[in-house]
Amino acid sequence: MADSEARVEKTTPEARFVHWSHTITWFIMLLSGMVLYSPWWHWLTPVFGGAPHADLVHKFFAVIFIAVPLIGLIVKPRSFVDWMKTAVKWGKDEIVFMMKFPLDFIGFKVDMPPQDGINAGQKINSLLFPIVGLGLVLSGIVMWFTWRFPPSWIPIAYIVHDACWIIGTAQVCFHAYLGSLHPGSGESFWAMFGDGKVKASWAKHHHAKWYKRVYGD
């Protein structure tokens, strides 16, 4: 049983790989997509060696963006199922957490209710991002292979794609802040860069339900 000075594994190597591969591909697709999206972003064109190359880079990393979670789903389907089961499990503690979260976000010290392996905010993130990702993938396929779809689908695909990348980018930035710069996030931040381990005392405080279930303390 882990004591307060021990370190416990919070994220698996597979989860960290998927996390960082998606993070890297997201920002590469974002920047290359900006070049294609509007003339306002043409100053980024030299980074990719021209607009045609930006389009090629965008599509190449889109394939990686799709392939990584699909491979993970095939190799470890149970991990995805458990993640989604946790994300959809809501109760009084999650509701209270979200009610208090705005105060915590702006710096007030509040007593948060015990949380699971992912807190209420992370549960929303976990449910929203697959929806945004699926919207990007499906609309992107229509935009890529326009000749295979009815003409009426094309403008709808562009609208969906734009809405999803805007929502997704805001979500990624919000997640990045909460996972790196927000007070108390240091443990989770370095765990994602390192071996996935956090201080047991931190895990008890931030993810009490998960810690008790896994480590029995």
C-alpha atoms as a PDB file:
ATOM      1  CA  MET A   1       0.000   0.000   0.000  1.00  0.00           C
ATOM      2  CA  ALA A   2       1.376   3.382  -0.956  1.00  0.00           C
ATOM      3  CA  ASP A   3       2.056   5.934   1.766  1.00  0.00           C
ATOM      4  CA  SER A   4       1.912   9.702   1.502  1.00  0.00           C
ATOM      5  CA  GLU A   5       5.549   9.934   0.335  1.00  0.00           C
ATOM      6  CA  ALA A   6       5.275   7.218  -2.303  1.00  0.00           C
ATOM      7  CA  ARG A   7       4.666   7.759  -5.995  1.00  0.00           C
ATOM      8  CA  VAL A   8       1.890   5.922  -7.772  1.00  0.00           C
ATOM      9  CA  GLU A   9       1.208   5.397 -11.458  1.00  0.00           C
ATOM     10  CA  LYS A  10      -1.542   7.709 -12.668  1.00  0.00           C
ATOM     11  CA  THR A  11      -1.196   7.330 -16.441  1.00  0.00           C
ATOM     12  CA  THR A  12       0.013   4.336 -18.435  1.00  0.00           C
ATOM     13  CA  PRO A  13       2.691   4.515 -21.158  1.00  0.00           C
ATOM     14  CA  GLU A  14      -0.008   3.828 -23.756  1.00  0.00           C
ATOM     15  CA  ALA A  15      -2.173   6.689 -22.505  1.00  0.00           C
ATOM     16  CA  ARG A  16       0.792   9.062 -22.554  1.00  0.00           C
ATOM     17  CA  PHE A  17       1.686   8.015 -26.089  1.00  0.00           C
ATOM     18  CA  VAL A  18      -1.837   8.643 -27.367  1.00  0.00           C
ATOM     19  CA  HIS A  19      -1.998  11.950 -25.459  1.00  0.00           C
ATOM     20  CA  TRP A  20       1.230  13.363 -26.889  1.00  0.00           C
ATOM     21  CA  SER A  21       0.755  11.994 -30.394  1.00  0.00           C
ATOM     22  CA  HIS A  22      -2.652  13.673 -30.530  1.00  0.00           C
ATOM     23  CA  THR A  23      -1.289  16.889 -29.047  1.00  0.00           C
ATOM     24  CA  ILE A  24       1.549  17.110 -31.572  1.00  0.00           C
ATOM     25  CA  THR A  25      -0.596  16.171 -34.565  1.00  0.00           C
ATOM     26  CA  TRP A  26      -3.303  18.600 -33.450  1.00  0.00           C
ATOM     27  CA  PHE A  27      -1.028  21.635 -33.499  1.00  0.00           C
ATOM     28  CA  ILE A  28       0.646  20.637 -36.772  1.00  0.00           C
ATOM     29  CA  MET A  29      -2.766  20.228 -38.372  1.00  0.00           C
ATOM     30  CA  LEU A  30      -3.894  23.502 -36.822  1.00  0.00           C
ATOM     31  CA  LEU A  31      -0.998  25.505 -38.254  1.00  0.00           C
ATOM     32  CA  SER A  32      -1.083  23.843 -41.661  1.00  0.00           C
ATOM     33  CA  GLY A  33      -4.860  24.186 -41.722  1.00  0.00           C
ATOM     34  CA  MET A  34      -4.615  27.899 -40.956  1.00  0.00           C
ATOM     35  CA  VAL A  35      -2.646  28.361 -44.175  1.00  0.00           C
ATOM     36  CA  LEU A  36      -5.470  26.712 -46.097  1.00  0.00           C
ATOM     37  CA  TYR A  37      -8.234  28.395 -44.115  1.00  0.00           C
ATOM     38  CA  SER A  38      -7.655  32.089 -44.736  1.00  0.00           C
ATOM     39  CA  PRO A  39      -5.265  34.544 -46.437  1.00  0.00           C
ATOM     40  CA  TRP A  40      -4.775  36.075 -43.006  1.00  0.00           C
ATOM     41  CA  TRP A  41      -2.505  33.138 -42.176  1.00  0.00           C
ATOM     42  CA  HIS A  42      -0.439  33.076 -45.349  1.00  0.00           C
ATOM     43  CA  TRP A  43       2.550  34.363 -43.392  1.00  0.00           C
ATOM     44  CA  LEU A  44       2.791  30.767 -42.133  1.00  0.00           C
ATOM     45  CA  THR A  45       3.140  29.428 -45.681  1.00  0.00           C
ATOM     46  CA  PRO A  46       7.001  29.456 -45.729  1.00  0.00           C
ATOM     47  CA  VAL A  47       7.011  27.164 -42.686  1.00  0.00           C
ATOM     48  CA  PHE A  48       5.540  24.421 -44.866  1.00  0.00           C
ATOM     49  CA  GLY A  49       7.277  25.358 -48.109  1.00  0.00           C
ATOM     50  CA  GLY A  50       4.129  26.670 -49.757  1.00  0.00           C
ATOM     51  CA  ALA A  51       0.388  26.097 -49.617  1.00  0.00           C
ATOM     52  CA  PRO A  52       0.468  22.794 -51.559  1.00  0.00           C
ATOM     53  CA  HIS A  53       2.948  21.381 -49.062  1.00  0.00           C
ATOM     54  CA  ALA A  54       0.823  22.663 -46.185  1.00  0.00           C
ATOM     55  CA  ASP A  55      -2.089  20.720 -47.645  1.00  0.00           C
ATOM     56  CA  LEU A  56       0.088  17.599 -47.896  1.00  0.00           C
ATOM     57  CA  VAL A  57       1.336  17.992 -44.311  1.00  0.00           C
ATOM     58  CA  HIS A  58      -2.234  18.530 -43.101  1.00  0.00           C
ATOM     59  CA  LYS A  59      -3.434  15.314 -44.724  1.00  0.00           C
ATOM     60  CA  PHE A  60      -0.406  13.283 -43.634  1.00  0.00           C
ATOM     61  CA  PHE A  61      -0.848  14.164 -39.976  1.00  0.00           C
ATOM     62  CA  ALA A  62      -4.613  13.733 -40.273  1.00  0.00           C
ATOM     63  CA  VAL A  63      -3.947  10.088 -41.106  1.00  0.00           C
ATOM     64  CA  ILE A  64      -1.774   9.777 -37.983  1.00  0.00           C
ATOM     65  CA  PHE A  65      -4.452  11.556 -35.933  1.00  0.00           C
ATOM     66  CA  ILE A  66      -6.945   8.896 -37.035  1.00  0.00           C
ATOM     67  CA  ALA A  67      -4.609   5.891 -36.925  1.00  0.00           C
ATOM     68  CA  VAL A  68      -3.224   6.243 -33.394  1.00  0.00           C
ATOM     69  CA  PRO A  69      -6.531   5.995 -31.467  1.00  0.00           C
ATOM     70  CA  LEU A  70      -7.800   3.303 -33.849  1.00  0.00           C
ATOM     71  CA  ILE A  71      -4.717   1.181 -33.197  1.00  0.00           C
ATOM     72  CA  GLY A  72      -5.094   1.814 -29.464  1.00  0.00           C
ATOM     73  CA  LEU A  73      -8.732   0.810 -29.645  1.00  0.00           C
ATOM     74  CA  ILE A  74      -7.820  -2.436 -31.386  1.00  0.00           C
ATOM     75  CA  VAL A  75      -4.888  -3.265 -29.109  1.00  0.00           C
ATOM     76  CA  LYS A  76      -6.478  -2.213 -25.798  1.00  0.00           C
ATOM     77  CA  PRO A  77     -10.228  -1.796 -26.235  1.00  0.00           C
ATOM     78  CA  ARG A  78     -10.792  -2.229 -22.515  1.00  0.00           C
ATOM     79  CA  SER A  79      -8.869   0.957 -21.743  1.00  0.00           C
ATOM     80  CA  PHE A  80     -11.203   2.997 -23.948  1.00  0.00           C
ATOM     81  CA  VAL A  81     -14.297   1.349 -22.473  1.00  0.00           C
ATOM     82  CA  ASP A  82     -13.123   2.002 -18.904  1.00  0.00           C
ATOM     83  CA  TRP A  83     -12.287   5.621 -19.793  1.00  0.00           C
ATOM     84  CA  MET A  84     -15.753   6.217 -21.251  1.00  0.00           C
ATOM     85  CA  LYS A  85     -17.467   4.437 -18.339  1.00  0.00           C
ATOM     86  CA  THR A  86     -15.671   6.754 -15.937  1.00  0.00           C
ATOM     87  CA  ALA A  87     -16.486   9.818 -18.043  1.00  0.00           C
ATOM     88  CA  VAL A  88     -20.243   9.147 -18.115  1.00  0.00           C
ATOM     89  CA  LYS A  89     -20.456   8.312 -14.413  1.00  0.00           C
ATOM     90  CA  TRP A  90     -21.825  11.438 -12.737  1.00  0.00           C
ATOM     91  CA  GLY A  91     -23.179  12.062  -9.278  1.00  0.00           C
ATOM     92  CA  LYS A  92     -23.465  14.740  -6.623  1.00  0.00           C
ATOM     93  CA  ASP A  93     -19.688  15.088  -6.268  1.00  0.00           C
ATOM     94  CA  GLU A  94     -19.248  15.892  -9.957  1.00  0.00           C
ATOM     95  CA  ILE A  95     -22.043  18.451  -9.926  1.00  0.00           C
ATOM     96  CA  VAL A  96     -20.674  20.166  -6.818  1.00  0.00           C
ATOM     97  CA  PHE A  97     -17.193  20.131  -8.361  1.00  0.00           C
ATOM     98  CA  MET A  98     -18.440  21.966 -11.447  1.00  0.00           C
ATOM     99  CA  MET A  99     -20.358  24.478  -9.336  1.00  0.00           C
ATOM    100  CA  LYS A 100     -17.207  25.298  -7.360  1.00  0.00           C
ATOM    101  CA  PHE A 101     -14.807  25.104 -10.286  1.00  0.00           C
ATOM    102  CA  PRO A 102     -15.178  28.749 -11.466  1.00  0.00           C
ATOM    103  CA  LEU A 103     -13.968  29.933  -8.058  1.00  0.00           C
ATOM    104  CA  ASP A 104     -11.060  27.490  -8.147  1.00  0.00           C
ATOM    105  CA  PHE A 105     -10.210  28.586 -11.693  1.00  0.00           C
ATOM    106  CA  ILE A 106      -9.812  32.249 -10.753  1.00  0.00           C
ATOM    107  CA  GLY A 107      -7.672  31.436  -7.741  1.00  0.00           C
ATOM    108  CA  PHE A 108      -9.960  31.047  -4.727  1.00  0.00           C
ATOM    109  CA  LYS A 109      -9.221  28.170  -2.388  1.00  0.00           C
ATOM    110  CA  VAL A 110     -12.266  25.917  -2.286  1.00  0.00           C
ATOM    111  CA  ASP A 111     -12.908  22.520  -0.744  1.00  0.00           C
ATOM    112  CA  MET A 112     -13.585  20.245  -3.681  1.00  0.00           C
ATOM    113  CA  PRO A 113     -15.532  16.982  -3.299  1.00  0.00           C
ATOM    114  CA  PRO A 114     -13.638  13.705  -3.879  1.00  0.00           C
ATOM    115  CA  GLN A 115     -13.103  12.815  -7.527  1.00  0.00           C
ATOM    116  CA  ASP A 116     -12.446   9.703  -9.581  1.00  0.00           C
ATOM    117  CA  GLY A 117      -9.446   9.026 -11.825  1.00  0.00           C
ATOM    118  CA  ILE A 118     -10.583  11.996 -13.883  1.00  0.00           C
ATOM    119  CA  ASN A 119     -12.405  14.898 -12.264  1.00  0.00           C
ATOM    120  CA  ALA A 120     -15.720  16.330 -13.455  1.00  0.00           C
ATOM    121  CA  GLY A 121     -14.076  18.859 -15.766  1.00  0.00           C
ATOM    122  CA  GLN A 122     -11.874  16.163 -17.267  1.00  0.00           C
ATOM    123  CA  LYS A 123     -14.983  14.020 -17.761  1.00  0.00           C
ATOM    124  CA  ILE A 124     -16.529  16.764 -19.878  1.00  0.00           C
ATOM    125  CA  ASN A 125     -13.270  17.033 -21.814  1.00  0.00           C
ATOM    126  CA  SER A 126     -13.188  13.253 -22.264  1.00  0.00           C
ATOM    127  CA  LEU A 127     -16.707  13.222 -23.696  1.00  0.00           C
ATOM    128  CA  LEU A 128     -16.360  16.318 -25.865  1.00  0.00           C
ATOM    129  CA  PHE A 129     -13.030  15.622 -27.545  1.00  0.00           C
ATOM    130  CA  PRO A 130     -14.037  12.319 -29.198  1.00  0.00           C
ATOM    131  CA  ILE A 131     -17.131  14.085 -30.580  1.00  0.00           C
ATOM    132  CA  VAL A 132     -15.022  16.962 -31.910  1.00  0.00           C
ATOM    133  CA  GLY A 133     -12.455  14.520 -33.283  1.00  0.00           C
ATOM    134  CA  LEU A 134     -15.103  12.436 -35.017  1.00  0.00           C
ATOM    135  CA  GLY A 135     -16.620  15.581 -36.507  1.00  0.00           C
ATOM    136  CA  LEU A 136     -13.221  16.599 -37.856  1.00  0.00           C
ATOM    137  CA  VAL A 137     -12.521  13.162 -39.294  1.00  0.00           C
ATOM    138  CA  LEU A 138     -15.876  12.698 -41.014  1.00  0.00           C
ATOM    139  CA  SER A 139     -15.999  16.236 -42.410  1.00  0.00           C
ATOM    140  CA  GLY A 140     -12.341  15.992 -43.415  1.00  0.00           C
ATOM    141  CA  ILE A 141     -12.993  12.810 -45.388  1.00  0.00           C
ATOM    142  CA  VAL A 142     -15.783  14.554 -47.297  1.00  0.00           C
ATOM    143  CA  MET A 143     -13.521  17.549 -47.980  1.00  0.00           C
ATOM    144  CA  TRP A 144     -10.634  15.317 -49.079  1.00  0.00           C
ATOM    145  CA  PHE A 145     -12.643  13.043 -51.374  1.00  0.00           C
ATOM    146  CA  THR A 146     -15.215  15.513 -52.651  1.00  0.00           C
ATOM    147  CA  TRP A 147     -15.878  13.568 -55.871  1.00  0.00           C
ATOM    148  CA  ARG A 148     -17.239  10.637 -53.863  1.00  0.00           C
ATOM    149  CA  PHE A 149     -19.959  12.614 -52.091  1.00  0.00           C
ATOM    150  CA  PRO A 150     -23.051  14.579 -53.150  1.00  0.00           C
ATOM    151  CA  PRO A 151     -22.216  18.245 -53.880  1.00  0.00           C
ATOM    152  CA  SER A 152     -24.637  19.368 -51.178  1.00  0.00           C
ATOM    153  CA  TRP A 153     -22.452  17.667 -48.556  1.00  0.00           C
ATOM    154  CA  ILE A 154     -19.348  19.729 -49.309  1.00  0.00           C
ATOM    155  CA  PRO A 155     -20.364  23.125 -47.809  1.00  0.00           C
ATOM    156  CA  ILE A 156     -21.815  21.343 -44.771  1.00  0.00           C
ATOM    157  CA  ALA A 157     -18.520  19.497 -44.305  1.00  0.00           C
ATOM    158  CA  TYR A 158     -16.594  22.788 -44.345  1.00  0.00           C
ATOM    159  CA  ILE A 159     -18.905  24.306 -41.730  1.00  0.00           C
ATOM    160  CA  VAL A 160     -18.614  21.241 -39.488  1.00  0.00           C
ATOM    161  CA  HIS A 161     -14.828  21.126 -39.916  1.00  0.00           C
ATOM    162  CA  ASP A 162     -14.437  24.806 -39.030  1.00  0.00           C
ATOM    163  CA  ALA A 163     -16.715  24.551 -36.011  1.00  0.00           C
ATOM    164  CA  CYS A 164     -14.891  21.466 -34.726  1.00  0.00           C
ATOM    165  CA  TRP A 165     -11.373  22.848 -35.048  1.00  0.00           C
ATOM    166  CA  ILE A 166     -12.364  26.108 -33.358  1.00  0.00           C
ATOM    167  CA  ILE A 167     -14.071  24.291 -30.465  1.00  0.00           C
ATOM    168  CA  GLY A 168     -11.283  21.728 -30.277  1.00  0.00           C
ATOM    169  CA  THR A 169      -8.498  24.316 -30.226  1.00  0.00           C
ATOM    170  CA  ALA A 170     -10.207  26.246 -27.436  1.00  0.00           C
ATOM    171  CA  GLN A 171     -10.609  22.974 -25.567  1.00  0.00           C
ATOM    172  CA  VAL A 172      -6.956  21.990 -26.064  1.00  0.00           C
ATOM    173  CA  CYS A 173      -5.719  25.388 -24.856  1.00  0.00           C
ATOM    174  CA  PHE A 174      -8.011  25.279 -21.821  1.00  0.00           C
ATOM    175  CA  HIS A 175      -6.836  21.758 -21.045  1.00  0.00           C
ATOM    176  CA  ALA A 176      -3.189  22.775 -21.473  1.00  0.00           C
ATOM    177  CA  TYR A 177      -3.583  25.646 -19.004  1.00  0.00           C
ATOM    178  CA  LEU A 178      -5.341  23.526 -16.387  1.00  0.00           C
ATOM    179  CA  GLY A 179      -2.803  20.743 -16.804  1.00  0.00           C
ATOM    180  CA  SER A 180       0.325  22.872 -16.633  1.00  0.00           C
ATOM    181  CA  LEU A 181      -0.042  26.437 -15.333  1.00  0.00           C
ATOM    182  CA  HIS A 182      -3.005  26.164 -12.973  1.00  0.00           C
ATOM    183  CA  PRO A 183      -1.954  25.931  -9.287  1.00  0.00           C
ATOM    184  CA  GLY A 184      -1.674  22.327  -8.167  1.00  0.00           C
ATOM    185  CA  SER A 185      -1.289  20.918 -11.664  1.00  0.00           C
ATOM    186  CA  GLY A 186       2.455  20.321 -11.487  1.00  0.00           C
ATOM    187  CA  GLU A 187       2.220  16.656 -10.554  1.00  0.00           C
ATOM    188  CA  SER A 188      -0.027  15.709 -13.450  1.00  0.00           C
ATOM    189  CA  PHE A 189       2.026  17.850 -15.854  1.00  0.00           C
ATOM    190  CA  TRP A 190       5.336  16.176 -15.075  1.00  0.00           C
ATOM    191  CA  ALA A 191       3.706  12.753 -14.922  1.00  0.00           C
ATOM    192  CA  MET A 192       2.665  13.152 -18.560  1.00  0.00           C
ATOM    193  CA  PHE A 193       6.251  14.058 -19.479  1.00  0.00           C
ATOM    194  CA  GLY A 194       7.839  11.382 -17.329  1.00  0.00           C
ATOM    195  CA  ASP A 195       6.944   7.950 -16.032  1.00  0.00           C
ATOM    196  CA  GLY A 196       3.256   8.627 -15.404  1.00  0.00           C
ATOM    197  CA  LYS A 197       3.695   8.650 -11.633  1.00  0.00           C
ATOM    198  CA  VAL A 198       2.467  11.250  -9.142  1.00  0.00           C
ATOM    199  CA  LYS A 199       2.876  11.707  -5.413  1.00  0.00           C
ATOM    200  CA  ALA A 200       0.445   9.513  -3.509  1.00  0.00           C
ATOM    201  CA  SER A 201      -0.540  12.488  -1.349  1.00  0.00           C
ATOM    202  CA  TRP A 202      -1.421  14.479  -4.482  1.00  0.00           C
ATOM    203  CA  ALA A 203      -3.438  11.584  -5.881  1.00  0.00           C
ATOM    204  CA  LYS A 204      -5.320  11.214  -2.579  1.00  0.00           C
ATOM    205  CA  HIS A 205      -6.200  14.894  -2.621  1.00  0.00           C
ATOM    206  CA  HIS A 206      -7.167  15.317  -6.272  1.00  0.00           C
ATOM    207  CA  HIS A 207      -8.477  11.842  -7.119  1.00  0.00           C
ATOM    208  CA  ALA A 208      -9.562  10.397  -3.783  1.00  0.00           C
ATOM    209  CA  LYS A 209     -12.128   7.931  -5.173  1.00  0.00           C
ATOM    210  CA  TRP A 210      -9.685   6.523  -7.693  1.00  0.00           C
ATOM    211  CA  TYR A 211      -6.886   6.269  -5.132  1.00  0.00           C
ATOM    212  CA  LYS A 212      -9.065   4.446  -2.620  1.00  0.00           C
ATOM    213  CA  ARG A 213     -10.336   2.027  -5.257  1.00  0.00           C
ATOM    214  CA  VAL A 214      -6.873   1.254  -6.667  1.00  0.00           C
ATOM    215  CA  TYR A 215      -4.701   1.429  -3.549  1.00  0.00           C
ATOM    216  CA  GLY A 216      -7.257   0.833  -0.829  1.00  0.00           C
ATOM    217  CA  ASP A 217      -6.214   3.722   1.411  1.00  0.00           C
END
